[in-house]
Amino acid sequence: MSLELRIVELETRQAFQDDTIQALNDMVFEQNKVIDRLQLQVAELIKRYEDMVGQYGGGGEEPPPPHY
């Protein structure tokens, strides 16, 4: 194989690798946005849960019923 053909082959491979790396980078960026949104949703759910527990009681230790 001539040197010129080897260089063309290497340049072609590099171009495909660059495209693959960019596609993976885009996917990671989108997944990071989804993770950030999910973390905000979980934090909001935890806050709402804690508000409800505070409002209705934590189900902590209850005194024994009067017949004991």
PDB file of N, CA and C in Angstrom:
ATOM      1  N   MET A   1       0.866  -1.174   0.000  1.00  0.00           N
ATOM      2  CA  MET A   1       0.000   0.000   0.000  1.00  0.00           C
ATOM      3  C   MET A   1       0.910   1.233   0.000  1.00  0.00           C
ATOM      4  N   SER A   2       0.571   2.172  -0.824  1.00  0.00           N
ATOM      5  CA  SER A   2       1.416   3.361  -0.924  1.00  0.00           C
ATOM      6  C   SER A   2       1.201   4.272   0.279  1.00  0.00           C
ATOM      7  N   LEU A   3       2.145   5.129   0.461  1.00  0.00           N
ATOM      8  CA  LEU A   3       2.094   6.056   1.590  1.00  0.00           C
ATOM      9  C   LEU A   3       0.891   6.988   1.481  1.00  0.00           C
ATOM     10  N   GLU A   4       0.586   7.408   0.275  1.00  0.00           N
ATOM     11  CA  GLU A   4      -0.552   8.314   0.071  1.00  0.00           C
ATOM     12  C   GLU A   4      -1.868   7.629   0.430  1.00  0.00           C
ATOM     13  N   LEU A   5      -2.034   6.372   0.044  1.00  0.00           N
ATOM     14  CA  LEU A   5      -3.255   5.636   0.385  1.00  0.00           C
ATOM     15  C   LEU A   5      -3.371   5.424   1.894  1.00  0.00           C
ATOM     16  N   ARG A   6      -2.262   5.166   2.548  1.00  0.00           N
ATOM     17  CA  ARG A   6      -2.281   5.000   4.002  1.00  0.00           C
ATOM     18  C   ARG A   6      -2.682   6.295   4.683  1.00  0.00           C
ATOM     19  N   ILE A   7      -2.189   7.414   4.186  1.00  0.00           N
ATOM     20  CA  ILE A   7      -2.538   8.708   4.775  1.00  0.00           C
ATOM     21  C   ILE A   7      -4.022   8.991   4.574  1.00  0.00           C
ATOM     22  N   VAL A   8      -4.527   8.703   3.379  1.00  0.00           N
ATOM     23  CA  VAL A   8      -5.957   8.910   3.111  1.00  0.00           C
ATOM     24  C   VAL A   8      -6.794   8.034   4.033  1.00  0.00           C
ATOM     25  N   GLU A   9      -6.386   6.782   4.202  1.00  0.00           N
ATOM     26  CA  GLU A   9      -7.099   5.871   5.093  1.00  0.00           C
ATOM     27  C   GLU A   9      -7.098   6.397   6.530  1.00  0.00           C
ATOM     28  N   LEU A  10      -5.968   6.870   7.003  1.00  0.00           N
ATOM     29  CA  LEU A  10      -5.883   7.418   8.359  1.00  0.00           C
ATOM     30  C   LEU A  10      -6.745   8.665   8.518  1.00  0.00           C
ATOM     31  N   GLU A  11      -6.735   9.534   7.511  1.00  0.00           N
ATOM     32  CA  GLU A  11      -7.568  10.739   7.576  1.00  0.00           C
ATOM     33  C   GLU A  11      -9.048  10.386   7.586  1.00  0.00           C
ATOM     34  N   THR A  12      -9.410   9.359   6.811  1.00  0.00           N
ATOM     35  CA  THR A  12     -10.811   8.915   6.784  1.00  0.00           C
ATOM     36  C   THR A  12     -11.223   8.366   8.146  1.00  0.00           C
ATOM     37  N   ARG A  13     -10.378   7.544   8.731  1.00  0.00           N
ATOM     38  CA  ARG A  13     -10.671   7.008  10.062  1.00  0.00           C
ATOM     39  C   ARG A  13     -10.784   8.122  11.092  1.00  0.00           C
ATOM     40  N   GLN A  14      -9.905   9.093  11.015  1.00  0.00           N
ATOM     41  CA  GLN A  14      -9.952  10.198  11.967  1.00  0.00           C
ATOM     42  C   GLN A  14     -11.251  10.980  11.823  1.00  0.00           C
ATOM     43  N   ALA A  15     -11.696  11.190  10.588  1.00  0.00           N
ATOM     44  CA  ALA A  15     -12.955  11.915  10.373  1.00  0.00           C
ATOM     45  C   ALA A  15     -14.122  11.156  11.001  1.00  0.00           C
ATOM     46  N   PHE A  16     -14.181   9.833  10.809  1.00  0.00           N
ATOM     47  CA  PHE A  16     -15.247   9.038  11.422  1.00  0.00           C
ATOM     48  C   PHE A  16     -15.151   9.075  12.947  1.00  0.00           C
ATOM     49  N   GLN A  17     -13.960   9.008  13.468  1.00  0.00           N
ATOM     50  CA  GLN A  17     -13.783   9.061  14.919  1.00  0.00           C
ATOM     51  C   GLN A  17     -14.203  10.420  15.468  1.00  0.00           C
ATOM     52  N   ASP A  18     -13.890  11.489  14.740  1.00  0.00           N
ATOM     53  CA  ASP A  18     -14.315  12.821  15.171  1.00  0.00           C
ATOM     54  C   ASP A  18     -15.840  12.915  15.216  1.00  0.00           C
ATOM     55  N   ASP A  19     -16.504  12.352  14.201  1.00  0.00           N
ATOM     56  CA  ASP A  19     -17.969  12.360  14.186  1.00  0.00           C
ATOM     57  C   ASP A  19     -18.534  11.553  15.359  1.00  0.00           C
ATOM     58  N   THR A  20     -17.930  10.414  15.636  1.00  0.00           N
ATOM     59  CA  THR A  20     -18.391   9.567  16.734  1.00  0.00           C
ATOM     60  C   THR A  20     -18.197  10.269  18.075  1.00  0.00           C
ATOM     61  N   ILE A  21     -17.051  10.889  18.245  1.00  0.00           N
ATOM     62  CA  ILE A  21     -16.781  11.605  19.497  1.00  0.00           C
ATOM     63  C   ILE A  21     -17.772  12.747  19.680  1.00  0.00           C
ATOM     64  N   GLN A  22     -18.081  13.477  18.611  1.00  0.00           N
ATOM     65  CA  GLN A  22     -19.042  14.580  18.713  1.00  0.00           C
ATOM     66  C   GLN A  22     -20.432  14.055  19.057  1.00  0.00           C
ATOM     67  N   ALA A  23     -20.831  12.941  18.437  1.00  0.00           N
ATOM     68  CA  ALA A  23     -22.144  12.358  18.739  1.00  0.00           C
ATOM     69  C   ALA A  23     -22.209  11.909  20.193  1.00  0.00           C
ATOM     70  N   LEU A  24     -21.150  11.284  20.683  1.00  0.00           N
ATOM     71  CA  LEU A  24     -21.120  10.871  22.088  1.00  0.00           C
ATOM     72  C   LEU A  24     -21.146  12.071  23.026  1.00  0.00           C
ATOM     73  N   ASN A  25     -20.427  13.109  22.671  1.00  0.00           N
ATOM     74  CA  ASN A  25     -20.418  14.324  23.487  1.00  0.00           C
ATOM     75  C   ASN A  25     -21.814  14.936  23.560  1.00  0.00           C
ATOM     76  N   ASP A  26     -22.502  14.977  22.420  1.00  0.00           N
ATOM     77  CA  ASP A  26     -23.864  15.513  22.407  1.00  0.00           C
ATOM     78  C   ASP A  26     -24.785  14.682  23.293  1.00  0.00           C
ATOM     79  N   MET A  27     -24.621  13.367  23.235  1.00  0.00           N
ATOM     80  CA  MET A  27     -25.461  12.484  24.048  1.00  0.00           C
ATOM     81  C   MET A  27     -25.182  12.685  25.536  1.00  0.00           C
ATOM     82  N   VAL A  28     -23.923  12.798  25.905  1.00  0.00           N
ATOM     83  CA  VAL A  28     -23.571  13.021  27.307  1.00  0.00           C
ATOM     84  C   VAL A  28     -24.142  14.359  27.784  1.00  0.00           C
ATOM     85  N   PHE A  29     -24.079  15.374  26.939  1.00  0.00           N
ATOM     86  CA  PHE A  29     -24.625  16.689  27.290  1.00  0.00           C
ATOM     87  C   PHE A  29     -26.128  16.598  27.544  1.00  0.00           C
ATOM     88  N   GLU A  30     -26.848  15.904  26.664  1.00  0.00           N
ATOM     89  CA  GLU A  30     -28.293  15.753  26.840  1.00  0.00           C
ATOM     90  C   GLU A  30     -28.614  14.944  28.090  1.00  0.00           C
ATOM     91  N   GLN A  31     -27.865  13.891  28.353  1.00  0.00           N
ATOM     92  CA  GLN A  31     -28.094  13.087  29.549  1.00  0.00           C
ATOM     93  C   GLN A  31     -27.818  13.889  30.812  1.00  0.00           C
ATOM     94  N   ASN A  32     -26.833  14.758  30.757  1.00  0.00           N
ATOM     95  CA  ASN A  32     -26.538  15.609  31.910  1.00  0.00           C
ATOM     96  C   ASN A  32     -27.703  16.553  32.197  1.00  0.00           C
ATOM     97  N   LYS A  33     -28.326  17.077  31.138  1.00  0.00           N
ATOM     98  CA  LYS A  33     -29.498  17.935  31.341  1.00  0.00           C
ATOM     99  C   LYS A  33     -30.637  17.144  31.975  1.00  0.00           C
ATOM    100  N   VAL A  34     -30.834  15.907  31.530  1.00  0.00           N
ATOM    101  CA  VAL A  34     -31.894  15.062  32.093  1.00  0.00           C
ATOM    102  C   VAL A  34     -31.606  14.766  33.563  1.00  0.00           C
ATOM    103  N   ILE A  35     -30.356  14.441  33.874  1.00  0.00           N
ATOM    104  CA  ILE A  35     -29.974  14.158  35.263  1.00  0.00           C
ATOM    105  C   ILE A  35     -30.203  15.380  36.141  1.00  0.00           C
ATOM    106  N   ASP A  36     -29.834  16.562  35.660  1.00  0.00           N
ATOM    107  CA  ASP A  36     -30.055  17.784  36.442  1.00  0.00           C
ATOM    108  C   ASP A  36     -31.539  17.984  36.724  1.00  0.00           C
ATOM    109  N   ARG A  37     -32.375  17.765  35.693  1.00  0.00           N
ATOM    110  CA  ARG A  37     -33.821  17.929  35.864  1.00  0.00           C
ATOM    111  C   ARG A  37     -34.357  16.909  36.864  1.00  0.00           C
ATOM    112  N   LEU A  38     -33.901  15.668  36.779  1.00  0.00           N
ATOM    113  CA  LEU A  38     -34.353  14.634  37.710  1.00  0.00           C
ATOM    114  C   LEU A  38     -33.919  14.935  39.141  1.00  0.00           C
ATOM    115  N   GLN A  39     -32.714  15.470  39.313  1.00  0.00           N
ATOM    116  CA  GLN A  39     -32.253  15.827  40.657  1.00  0.00           C
ATOM    117  C   GLN A  39     -33.126  16.922  41.245  1.00  0.00           C
ATOM    118  N   LEU A  40     -33.529  17.891  40.427  1.00  0.00           N
ATOM    119  CA  LEU A  40     -34.424  18.946  40.917  1.00  0.00           C
ATOM    120  C   LEU A  40     -35.784  18.359  41.305  1.00  0.00           C
ATOM    121  N   GLN A  41     -36.280  17.430  40.494  1.00  0.00           N
ATOM    122  CA  GLN A  41     -37.569  16.815  40.798  1.00  0.00           C
ATOM    123  C   GLN A  41     -37.504  15.999  42.086  1.00  0.00           C
ATOM    124  N   VAL A  42     -36.443  15.254  42.280  1.00  0.00           N
ATOM    125  CA  VAL A  42     -36.291  14.463  43.501  1.00  0.00           C
ATOM    126  C   VAL A  42     -36.191  15.385  44.715  1.00  0.00           C
ATOM    127  N   ALA A  43     -35.439  16.471  44.587  1.00  0.00           N
ATOM    128  CA  ALA A  43     -35.324  17.417  45.698  1.00  0.00           C
ATOM    129  C   ALA A  43     -36.691  18.013  46.032  1.00  0.00           C
ATOM    130  N   GLU A  44     -37.480  18.323  45.022  1.00  0.00           N
ATOM    131  CA  GLU A  44     -38.821  18.866  45.251  1.00  0.00           C
ATOM    132  C   GLU A  44     -39.712  17.824  45.917  1.00  0.00           C
ATOM    133  N   LEU A  45     -39.624  16.575  45.485  1.00  0.00           N
ATOM    134  CA  LEU A  45     -40.426  15.516  46.104  1.00  0.00           C
ATOM    135  C   LEU A  45     -40.032  15.303  47.562  1.00  0.00           C
ATOM    136  N   ILE A  46     -38.752  15.344  47.853  1.00  0.00           N
ATOM    137  CA  ILE A  46     -38.294  15.196  49.234  1.00  0.00           C
ATOM    138  C   ILE A  46     -38.839  16.336  50.087  1.00  0.00           C
ATOM    139  N   LYS A  47     -38.786  17.542  49.547  1.00  0.00           N
ATOM    140  CA  LYS A  47     -39.301  18.704  50.283  1.00  0.00           C
ATOM    141  C   LYS A  47     -40.800  18.545  50.547  1.00  0.00           C
ATOM    142  N   ARG A  48     -41.557  18.123  49.543  1.00  0.00           N
ATOM    143  CA  ARG A  48     -42.995  17.943  49.720  1.00  0.00           C
ATOM    144  C   ARG A  48     -43.283  16.833  50.728  1.00  0.00           C
ATOM    145  N   TYR A  49     -42.498  15.754  50.679  1.00  0.00           N
ATOM    146  CA  TYR A  49     -42.667  14.663  51.635  1.00  0.00           C
ATOM    147  C   TYR A  49     -42.414  15.152  53.057  1.00  0.00           C
ATOM    148  N   GLU A  50     -41.326  15.888  53.245  1.00  0.00           N
ATOM    149  CA  GLU A  50     -41.011  16.392  54.581  1.00  0.00           C
ATOM    150  C   GLU A  50     -42.079  17.352  55.071  1.00  0.00           C
ATOM    151  N   ASP A  51     -42.641  18.166  54.181  1.00  0.00           N
ATOM    152  CA  ASP A  51     -43.740  19.060  54.564  1.00  0.00           C
ATOM    153  C   ASP A  51     -44.962  18.260  55.003  1.00  0.00           C
ATOM    154  N   MET A  52     -45.263  17.176  54.264  1.00  0.00           N
ATOM    155  CA  MET A  52     -46.424  16.357  54.618  1.00  0.00           C
ATOM    156  C   MET A  52     -46.202  15.642  55.945  1.00  0.00           C
ATOM    157  N   VAL A  53     -44.993  15.141  56.166  1.00  0.00           N
ATOM    158  CA  VAL A  53     -44.700  14.453  57.422  1.00  0.00           C
ATOM    159  C   VAL A  53     -44.819  15.437  58.575  1.00  0.00           C
ATOM    160  N   GLY A  54     -44.347  16.628  58.395  1.00  0.00           N
ATOM    161  CA  GLY A  54     -44.447  17.646  59.440  1.00  0.00           C
ATOM    162  C   GLY A  54     -45.879  18.051  59.696  1.00  0.00           C
ATOM    163  N   GLN A  55     -46.686  18.047  58.657  1.00  0.00           N
ATOM    164  CA  GLN A  55     -48.074  18.465  58.772  1.00  0.00           C
ATOM    165  C   GLN A  55     -48.946  17.390  59.437  1.00  0.00           C
ATOM    166  N   TYR A  56     -48.705  16.128  59.105  1.00  0.00           N
ATOM    167  CA  TYR A  56     -49.554  15.050  59.587  1.00  0.00           C
ATOM    168  C   TYR A  56     -48.901  14.205  60.664  1.00  0.00           C
ATOM    169  N   GLY A  57     -47.755  14.586  61.103  1.00  0.00           N
ATOM    170  CA  GLY A  57     -47.067  13.819  62.136  1.00  0.00           C
ATOM    171  C   GLY A  57     -46.114  12.828  61.498  1.00  0.00           C
ATOM    172  N   GLY A  58     -45.069  12.577  62.202  1.00  0.00           N
ATOM    173  CA  GLY A  58     -44.035  11.720  61.650  1.00  0.00           C
ATOM    174  C   GLY A  58     -44.269  10.245  61.895  1.00  0.00           C
ATOM    175  N   GLY A  59     -45.337   9.879  62.525  1.00  0.00           N
ATOM    176  CA  GLY A  59     -45.544   8.468  62.817  1.00  0.00           C
ATOM    177  C   GLY A  59     -44.520   7.974  63.831  1.00  0.00           C
ATOM    178  N   GLY A  60     -44.043   8.905  64.645  1.00  0.00           N
ATOM    179  CA  GLY A  60     -43.047   8.552  65.649  1.00  0.00           C
ATOM    180  C   GLY A  60     -43.652   7.676  66.733  1.00  0.00           C
ATOM    181  N   GLU A  61     -43.013   7.665  67.837  1.00  0.00           N
ATOM    182  CA  GLU A  61     -43.466   6.793  68.913  1.00  0.00           C
ATOM    183  C   GLU A  61     -44.778   7.344  69.495  1.00  0.00           C
ATOM    184  N   GLU A  62     -45.786   6.490  69.461  1.00  0.00           N
ATOM    185  CA  GLU A  62     -47.103   6.876  69.977  1.00  0.00           C
ATOM    186  C   GLU A  62     -47.251   6.350  71.399  1.00  0.00           C
ATOM    187  N   PRO A  63     -47.998   7.059  72.218  1.00  0.00           N
ATOM    188  CA  PRO A  63     -48.246   6.542  73.573  1.00  0.00           C
ATOM    189  C   PRO A  63     -49.110   5.281  73.488  1.00  0.00           C
ATOM    190  N   PRO A  64     -48.993   4.414  74.465  1.00  0.00           N
ATOM    191  CA  PRO A  64     -49.806   3.182  74.414  1.00  0.00           C
ATOM    192  C   PRO A  64     -51.289   3.526  74.555  1.00  0.00           C
ATOM    193  N   PRO A  65     -52.143   2.683  74.035  1.00  0.00           N
ATOM    194  CA  PRO A  65     -53.580   2.916  74.158  1.00  0.00           C
ATOM    195  C   PRO A  65     -53.989   2.905  75.640  1.00  0.00           C
ATOM    196  N   PRO A  66     -55.101   3.516  75.952  1.00  0.00           N
ATOM    197  CA  PRO A  66     -55.508   3.643  77.357  1.00  0.00           C
ATOM    198  C   PRO A  66     -55.786   2.308  78.064  1.00  0.00           C
ATOM    199  N   HIS A  67     -56.055   1.254  77.370  1.00  0.00           N
ATOM    200  CA  HIS A  67     -56.373  -0.010  78.047  1.00  0.00           C
ATOM    201  C   HIS A  67     -55.128  -0.752  78.506  1.00  0.00           C
ATOM    202  N   TYR A  68     -53.936  -0.215  78.324  1.00  0.00           N
ATOM    203  CA  TYR A  68     -52.726  -0.879  78.824  1.00  0.00           C
ATOM    204  C   TYR A  68     -52.436  -0.495  80.242  1.00  0.00           C
TER     205      TYR A  68
END
